[in-house]
Amino acid sequence: MFSREIFSILIVDDDIYFTKLLGKMLIRQGYKVETVLSADEAIKEISKKSYDILLLDIHMEGKDGIEAIPLIKKINPRIPIIIITADHSPFIEKRARREEIFYYLLKPFEFKELKEAIQSALLRRK
């Protein structure tokens, strides 16, 4: 995969069971993972800490994921954002892509596809 460097991922999703499961799977892959349940919490975290990748849901209480992207990019313009959503609407996908996300992944997804998106995003950052 990569050298011994440990990459950090922030998962932002209001489904606590999904974030815990996904977090455990990514930790087994050697990533450092933190989770938050809202876009507002994500903005606070990103302003305090540097993350290598952001996994972001769209539909959450309060600010939605797409509304949060410009605020996140102000804090860390280089962070690759991978959208993970159950919303299959072409309008939502188009709206998300306008915000220059790295990848758009629909739930349910194969973990292999997420791993490949993460690895690709990390390679692009180097």
N, C-alpha and C. Protein backbone atom coordinates (compact mmCIF):
# COMPACT_ATOMS: atom_id res chain seq x y z
N MET A 1 0.84 -1.18 0.00
CA MET A 1 0.00 0.00 0.00
C MET A 1 0.89 1.24 0.00
N PHE A 2 1.17 1.84 1.13
CA PHE A 2 2.01 3.02 1.24
C PHE A 2 3.12 2.72 2.23
N SER A 3 4.01 3.68 2.44
CA SER A 3 5.06 3.51 3.43
C SER A 3 4.42 3.40 4.82
N ARG A 4 5.22 3.47 5.82
CA ARG A 4 4.73 3.29 7.19
C ARG A 4 3.91 4.47 7.71
N GLU A 5 3.77 5.50 6.93
CA GLU A 5 2.98 6.64 7.35
C GLU A 5 1.53 6.20 7.61
N ILE A 6 0.97 6.68 8.72
CA ILE A 6 -0.42 6.37 9.05
C ILE A 6 -1.28 7.55 8.63
N PHE A 7 -2.23 7.28 7.77
CA PHE A 7 -3.11 8.33 7.26
C PHE A 7 -4.37 8.40 8.11
N SER A 8 -4.87 9.63 8.25
CA SER A 8 -6.05 9.83 9.10
C SER A 8 -7.28 10.14 8.26
N ILE A 9 -8.38 9.57 8.70
CA ILE A 9 -9.66 9.72 8.01
C ILE A 9 -10.70 10.20 9.01
N LEU A 10 -11.47 11.20 8.59
CA LEU A 10 -12.61 11.65 9.38
C LEU A 10 -13.87 11.19 8.67
N ILE A 11 -14.70 10.43 9.38
CA ILE A 11 -15.98 9.96 8.85
C ILE A 11 -17.07 10.85 9.44
N VAL A 12 -17.91 11.40 8.54
CA VAL A 12 -19.00 12.29 8.96
C VAL A 12 -20.31 11.69 8.46
N ASP A 13 -21.09 11.15 9.38
CA ASP A 13 -22.36 10.53 9.02
C ASP A 13 -23.21 10.47 10.28
N ASP A 14 -24.50 10.75 10.15
CA ASP A 14 -25.38 10.75 11.33
C ASP A 14 -25.85 9.36 11.72
N ASP A 15 -25.48 8.34 10.96
CA ASP A 15 -25.82 6.96 11.30
C ASP A 15 -24.68 6.38 12.14
N ILE A 16 -24.87 6.36 13.45
CA ILE A 16 -23.82 5.96 14.37
C ILE A 16 -23.35 4.52 14.13
N TYR A 17 -24.26 3.64 13.75
CA TYR A 17 -23.89 2.25 13.51
C TYR A 17 -23.03 2.13 12.26
N PHE A 18 -23.39 2.88 11.23
CA PHE A 18 -22.60 2.89 10.00
C PHE A 18 -21.20 3.43 10.26
N THR A 19 -21.10 4.55 11.00
CA THR A 19 -19.79 5.13 11.25
C THR A 19 -18.91 4.20 12.07
N LYS A 20 -19.50 3.53 13.05
CA LYS A 20 -18.71 2.59 13.86
C LYS A 20 -18.21 1.42 13.03
N LEU A 21 -19.10 0.84 12.23
CA LEU A 21 -18.72 -0.29 11.38
C LEU A 21 -17.65 0.11 10.37
N LEU A 22 -17.88 1.20 9.68
CA LEU A 22 -16.93 1.66 8.68
C LEU A 22 -15.60 2.02 9.34
N GLY A 23 -15.67 2.67 10.48
CA GLY A 23 -14.45 3.02 11.22
C GLY A 23 -13.63 1.79 11.56
N LYS A 24 -14.27 0.75 12.05
CA LYS A 24 -13.56 -0.49 12.40
C LYS A 24 -12.90 -1.11 11.18
N MET A 25 -13.62 -1.10 10.07
CA MET A 25 -13.07 -1.69 8.84
C MET A 25 -11.84 -0.91 8.37
N LEU A 26 -11.88 0.40 8.47
CA LEU A 26 -10.75 1.21 8.03
C LEU A 26 -9.58 1.13 9.00
N ILE A 27 -9.86 1.01 10.28
CA ILE A 27 -8.78 0.82 11.26
C ILE A 27 -8.05 -0.49 10.97
N ARG A 28 -8.78 -1.54 10.60
CA ARG A 28 -8.14 -2.82 10.24
C ARG A 28 -7.25 -2.67 9.01
N GLN A 29 -7.52 -1.68 8.19
CA GLN A 29 -6.70 -1.43 7.01
C GLN A 29 -5.47 -0.57 7.34
N GLY A 30 -5.36 -0.15 8.60
CA GLY A 30 -4.18 0.60 9.03
C GLY A 30 -4.36 2.11 9.09
N TYR A 31 -5.60 2.59 8.94
CA TYR A 31 -5.84 4.03 8.99
C TYR A 31 -6.17 4.46 10.41
N LYS A 32 -5.87 5.70 10.72
CA LYS A 32 -6.33 6.31 11.97
C LYS A 32 -7.68 6.93 11.64
N VAL A 33 -8.71 6.59 12.40
CA VAL A 33 -10.07 7.00 12.07
C VAL A 33 -10.72 7.72 13.24
N GLU A 34 -11.40 8.81 12.91
CA GLU A 34 -12.25 9.49 13.87
C GLU A 34 -13.61 9.68 13.22
N THR A 35 -14.65 9.75 14.05
CA THR A 35 -16.00 9.89 13.51
C THR A 35 -16.72 11.04 14.22
N VAL A 36 -17.58 11.70 13.45
CA VAL A 36 -18.49 12.69 14.01
C VAL A 36 -19.85 12.48 13.34
N LEU A 37 -20.89 13.01 13.96
CA LEU A 37 -22.25 12.73 13.51
C LEU A 37 -22.92 13.89 12.78
N SER A 38 -22.20 14.99 12.57
CA SER A 38 -22.82 16.13 11.87
C SER A 38 -21.76 16.93 11.12
N ALA A 39 -22.24 17.71 10.16
CA ALA A 39 -21.34 18.58 9.39
C ALA A 39 -20.73 19.65 10.29
N ASP A 40 -21.51 20.17 11.23
CA ASP A 40 -20.98 21.20 12.14
C ASP A 40 -19.84 20.64 12.99
N GLU A 41 -20.01 19.40 13.48
CA GLU A 41 -18.93 18.76 14.24
C GLU A 41 -17.70 18.56 13.36
N ALA A 42 -17.92 18.21 12.10
CA ALA A 42 -16.80 18.00 11.17
C ALA A 42 -16.01 19.29 10.98
N ILE A 43 -16.71 20.39 10.81
CA ILE A 43 -16.05 21.68 10.62
C ILE A 43 -15.19 22.01 11.85
N LYS A 44 -15.72 21.76 13.04
CA LYS A 44 -14.95 22.00 14.27
C LYS A 44 -13.71 21.11 14.32
N GLU A 45 -13.88 19.83 13.99
CA GLU A 45 -12.75 18.89 14.01
C GLU A 45 -11.66 19.30 13.03
N ILE A 46 -12.07 19.65 11.83
CA ILE A 46 -11.10 19.98 10.77
C ILE A 46 -10.39 21.29 11.10
N SER A 47 -11.03 22.17 11.85
CA SER A 47 -10.35 23.40 12.23
C SER A 47 -9.33 23.16 13.35
N LYS A 48 -9.48 22.04 14.08
CA LYS A 48 -8.55 21.72 15.16
C LYS A 48 -7.43 20.78 14.72
N LYS A 49 -7.72 19.90 13.74
CA LYS A 49 -6.81 18.83 13.36
C LYS A 49 -6.72 18.71 11.86
N SER A 50 -5.62 18.14 11.42
CA SER A 50 -5.45 17.89 9.99
C SER A 50 -5.80 16.44 9.69
N TYR A 51 -6.61 16.23 8.66
CA TYR A 51 -6.99 14.89 8.22
C TYR A 51 -6.54 14.71 6.77
N ASP A 52 -6.26 13.47 6.43
CA ASP A 52 -5.83 13.17 5.06
C ASP A 52 -7.01 12.95 4.12
N ILE A 53 -8.12 12.46 4.65
CA ILE A 53 -9.31 12.16 3.84
C ILE A 53 -10.54 12.49 4.68
N LEU A 54 -11.58 12.95 3.99
CA LEU A 54 -12.87 13.18 4.63
C LEU A 54 -13.91 12.34 3.93
N LEU A 55 -14.60 11.49 4.68
CA LEU A 55 -15.73 10.71 4.16
C LEU A 55 -16.99 11.41 4.69
N LEU A 56 -17.81 11.90 3.77
CA LEU A 56 -18.89 12.81 4.15
C LEU A 56 -20.24 12.36 3.61
N ASP A 57 -21.20 12.20 4.52
CA ASP A 57 -22.59 11.94 4.12
C ASP A 57 -23.21 13.25 3.68
N ILE A 58 -24.29 13.17 2.93
CA ILE A 58 -24.96 14.40 2.48
C ILE A 58 -26.09 14.79 3.43
N HIS A 59 -27.02 13.88 3.68
CA HIS A 59 -28.21 14.23 4.45
C HIS A 59 -28.00 13.96 5.93
N MET A 60 -27.90 15.05 6.70
CA MET A 60 -27.73 14.96 8.15
C MET A 60 -28.53 16.08 8.78
N GLU A 61 -28.76 15.98 10.07
CA GLU A 61 -29.44 17.06 10.80
C GLU A 61 -28.60 18.32 10.72
N GLY A 62 -29.25 19.45 10.71
CA GLY A 62 -28.51 20.72 10.63
C GLY A 62 -28.00 20.93 9.22
N LYS A 63 -26.78 21.36 9.13
CA LYS A 63 -26.15 21.62 7.84
C LYS A 63 -25.96 20.30 7.09
N ASP A 64 -26.31 20.29 5.79
CA ASP A 64 -26.06 19.04 5.05
C ASP A 64 -24.61 19.03 4.57
N GLY A 65 -24.18 17.87 4.11
CA GLY A 65 -22.79 17.69 3.71
C GLY A 65 -22.35 18.64 2.61
N ILE A 66 -23.22 18.87 1.65
CA ILE A 66 -22.85 19.74 0.53
C ILE A 66 -22.67 21.19 1.00
N GLU A 67 -23.54 21.63 1.91
CA GLU A 67 -23.40 22.99 2.46
C GLU A 67 -22.08 23.14 3.23
N ALA A 68 -21.62 22.05 3.81
CA ALA A 68 -20.40 22.09 4.62
C ALA A 68 -19.12 22.12 3.77
N ILE A 69 -19.19 21.63 2.55
CA ILE A 69 -17.96 21.50 1.74
C ILE A 69 -17.22 22.83 1.57
N PRO A 70 -17.88 23.92 1.17
CA PRO A 70 -17.12 25.17 1.02
C PRO A 70 -16.47 25.64 2.33
N LEU A 71 -17.14 25.40 3.46
CA LEU A 71 -16.58 25.79 4.76
C LEU A 71 -15.37 24.93 5.10
N ILE A 72 -15.47 23.64 4.79
CA ILE A 72 -14.35 22.72 5.02
C ILE A 72 -13.17 23.09 4.13
N LYS A 73 -13.45 23.40 2.87
CA LYS A 73 -12.40 23.76 1.91
C LYS A 73 -11.70 25.07 2.29
N LYS A 74 -12.42 25.97 2.97
CA LYS A 74 -11.77 27.20 3.46
C LYS A 74 -10.71 26.87 4.50
N ILE A 75 -11.00 25.88 5.34
CA ILE A 75 -10.09 25.48 6.40
C ILE A 75 -8.95 24.64 5.83
N ASN A 76 -9.30 23.68 4.98
CA ASN A 76 -8.30 22.78 4.40
C ASN A 76 -8.62 22.57 2.92
N PRO A 77 -8.11 23.44 2.06
CA PRO A 77 -8.47 23.36 0.64
C PRO A 77 -7.99 22.09 -0.07
N ARG A 78 -7.01 21.41 0.51
CA ARG A 78 -6.43 20.23 -0.16
C ARG A 78 -7.05 18.91 0.26
N ILE A 79 -7.93 18.91 1.24
CA ILE A 79 -8.46 17.64 1.74
C ILE A 79 -9.36 16.98 0.69
N PRO A 80 -9.06 15.74 0.33
CA PRO A 80 -9.95 15.03 -0.60
C PRO A 80 -11.23 14.64 0.12
N ILE A 81 -12.35 14.95 -0.49
CA ILE A 81 -13.65 14.65 0.10
C ILE A 81 -14.32 13.55 -0.72
N ILE A 82 -14.64 12.47 -0.04
CA ILE A 82 -15.38 11.37 -0.65
C ILE A 82 -16.78 11.40 -0.07
N ILE A 83 -17.75 11.63 -0.94
CA ILE A 83 -19.15 11.62 -0.52
C ILE A 83 -19.62 10.17 -0.45
N ILE A 84 -20.27 9.84 0.67
CA ILE A 84 -20.88 8.52 0.83
C ILE A 84 -22.35 8.77 1.17
N THR A 85 -23.23 8.39 0.26
CA THR A 85 -24.65 8.72 0.45
C THR A 85 -25.57 7.64 -0.10
N ALA A 86 -26.76 7.59 0.44
CA ALA A 86 -27.80 6.69 -0.08
C ALA A 86 -28.68 7.42 -1.08
N ASP A 87 -28.42 8.70 -1.30
CA ASP A 87 -29.24 9.51 -2.20
C ASP A 87 -28.79 9.27 -3.64
N HIS A 88 -29.64 8.64 -4.41
CA HIS A 88 -29.32 8.30 -5.79
C HIS A 88 -29.78 9.37 -6.78
N SER A 89 -30.12 10.55 -6.28
CA SER A 89 -30.62 11.63 -7.13
C SER A 89 -29.49 12.22 -7.99
N PRO A 90 -29.68 12.28 -9.32
CA PRO A 90 -28.68 12.91 -10.18
C PRO A 90 -28.48 14.40 -9.84
N PHE A 91 -29.54 15.05 -9.37
CA PHE A 91 -29.44 16.46 -8.98
C PHE A 91 -28.46 16.62 -7.81
N ILE A 92 -28.59 15.76 -6.81
CA ILE A 92 -27.72 15.83 -5.62
C ILE A 92 -26.28 15.53 -6.03
N GLU A 93 -26.09 14.52 -6.87
CA GLU A 93 -24.73 14.19 -7.31
C GLU A 93 -24.11 15.37 -8.07
N LYS A 94 -24.87 15.97 -8.95
CA LYS A 94 -24.37 17.12 -9.73
C LYS A 94 -24.01 18.27 -8.79
N ARG A 95 -24.86 18.51 -7.82
CA ARG A 95 -24.61 19.57 -6.83
C ARG A 95 -23.32 19.30 -6.05
N ALA A 96 -23.13 18.05 -5.66
CA ALA A 96 -21.92 17.67 -4.92
C ALA A 96 -20.67 17.83 -5.79
N ARG A 97 -20.74 17.39 -7.03
CA ARG A 97 -19.58 17.47 -7.92
C ARG A 97 -19.20 18.92 -8.23
N ARG A 98 -20.16 19.83 -8.21
CA ARG A 98 -19.84 21.25 -8.40
C ARG A 98 -18.93 21.77 -7.29
N GLU A 99 -18.96 21.12 -6.15
CA GLU A 99 -18.13 21.52 -5.01
C GLU A 99 -16.74 20.90 -5.06
N GLU A 100 -16.39 20.29 -6.18
CA GLU A 100 -15.06 19.70 -6.39
C GLU A 100 -14.71 18.62 -5.37
N ILE A 101 -15.64 17.70 -5.19
CA ILE A 101 -15.36 16.55 -4.35
C ILE A 101 -14.42 15.62 -5.11
N PHE A 102 -13.81 14.69 -4.40
CA PHE A 102 -12.91 13.75 -5.05
C PHE A 102 -13.67 12.56 -5.64
N TYR A 103 -14.66 12.05 -4.91
CA TYR A 103 -15.35 10.83 -5.35
C TYR A 103 -16.76 10.83 -4.77
N TYR A 104 -17.69 10.24 -5.49
CA TYR A 104 -19.09 10.14 -5.07
C TYR A 104 -19.45 8.66 -5.01
N LEU A 105 -19.74 8.17 -3.82
CA LEU A 105 -19.98 6.74 -3.61
C LEU A 105 -21.39 6.54 -3.07
N LEU A 106 -22.15 5.67 -3.74
CA LEU A 106 -23.53 5.41 -3.34
C LEU A 106 -23.62 4.21 -2.39
N LYS A 107 -24.39 4.38 -1.31
CA LYS A 107 -24.69 3.27 -0.40
C LYS A 107 -25.81 2.45 -1.03
N PRO A 108 -25.84 1.17 -0.88
CA PRO A 108 -24.77 0.35 -0.32
C PRO A 108 -23.63 0.23 -1.34
N PHE A 109 -22.42 0.07 -0.83
CA PHE A 109 -21.26 -0.02 -1.71
C PHE A 109 -20.38 -1.18 -1.27
N GLU A 110 -19.53 -1.58 -2.17
CA GLU A 110 -18.53 -2.60 -1.85
C GLU A 110 -17.37 -1.90 -1.14
N PHE A 111 -16.90 -2.47 -0.05
CA PHE A 111 -15.79 -1.88 0.69
C PHE A 111 -14.56 -1.71 -0.21
N LYS A 112 -14.40 -2.63 -1.14
CA LYS A 112 -13.26 -2.56 -2.07
C LYS A 112 -13.29 -1.24 -2.86
N GLU A 113 -14.47 -0.79 -3.27
CA GLU A 113 -14.57 0.47 -4.02
C GLU A 113 -14.14 1.65 -3.15
N LEU A 114 -14.54 1.64 -1.89
CA LEU A 114 -14.12 2.71 -0.98
C LEU A 114 -12.60 2.67 -0.77
N LYS A 115 -12.04 1.49 -0.56
CA LYS A 115 -10.59 1.37 -0.38
C LYS A 115 -9.85 1.94 -1.58
N GLU A 116 -10.33 1.62 -2.78
CA GLU A 116 -9.68 2.12 -4.00
C GLU A 116 -9.79 3.64 -4.10
N ALA A 117 -10.94 4.19 -3.73
CA ALA A 117 -11.12 5.65 -3.77
C ALA A 117 -10.17 6.33 -2.77
N ILE A 118 -10.04 5.75 -1.59
CA ILE A 118 -9.14 6.31 -0.57
C ILE A 118 -7.70 6.25 -1.06
N GLN A 119 -7.27 5.11 -1.57
CA GLN A 119 -5.90 4.98 -2.05
C GLN A 119 -5.61 5.95 -3.19
N SER A 120 -6.56 6.11 -4.08
CA SER A 120 -6.41 7.04 -5.19
C SER A 120 -6.29 8.48 -4.68
N ALA A 121 -7.11 8.84 -3.71
CA ALA A 121 -7.06 10.18 -3.15
C ALA A 121 -5.72 10.44 -2.45
N LEU A 122 -5.21 9.44 -1.75
CA LEU A 122 -3.92 9.60 -1.07
C LEU A 122 -2.79 9.74 -2.08
N LEU A 123 -2.83 8.98 -3.16
CA LEU A 123 -1.80 9.10 -4.18
C LEU A 123 -1.82 10.48 -4.83
N ARG A 124 -2.98 11.01 -5.03
CA ARG A 124 -3.11 12.34 -5.64
C ARG A 124 -2.55 13.43 -4.73
N ARG A 125 -2.67 13.24 -3.42
CA ARG A 125 -2.17 14.23 -2.46
C ARG A 125 -0.67 14.33 -2.44
N LYS A 126 0.00 13.22 -2.75
CA LYS A 126 1.48 13.19 -2.66
C LYS A 126 2.12 14.04 -3.71
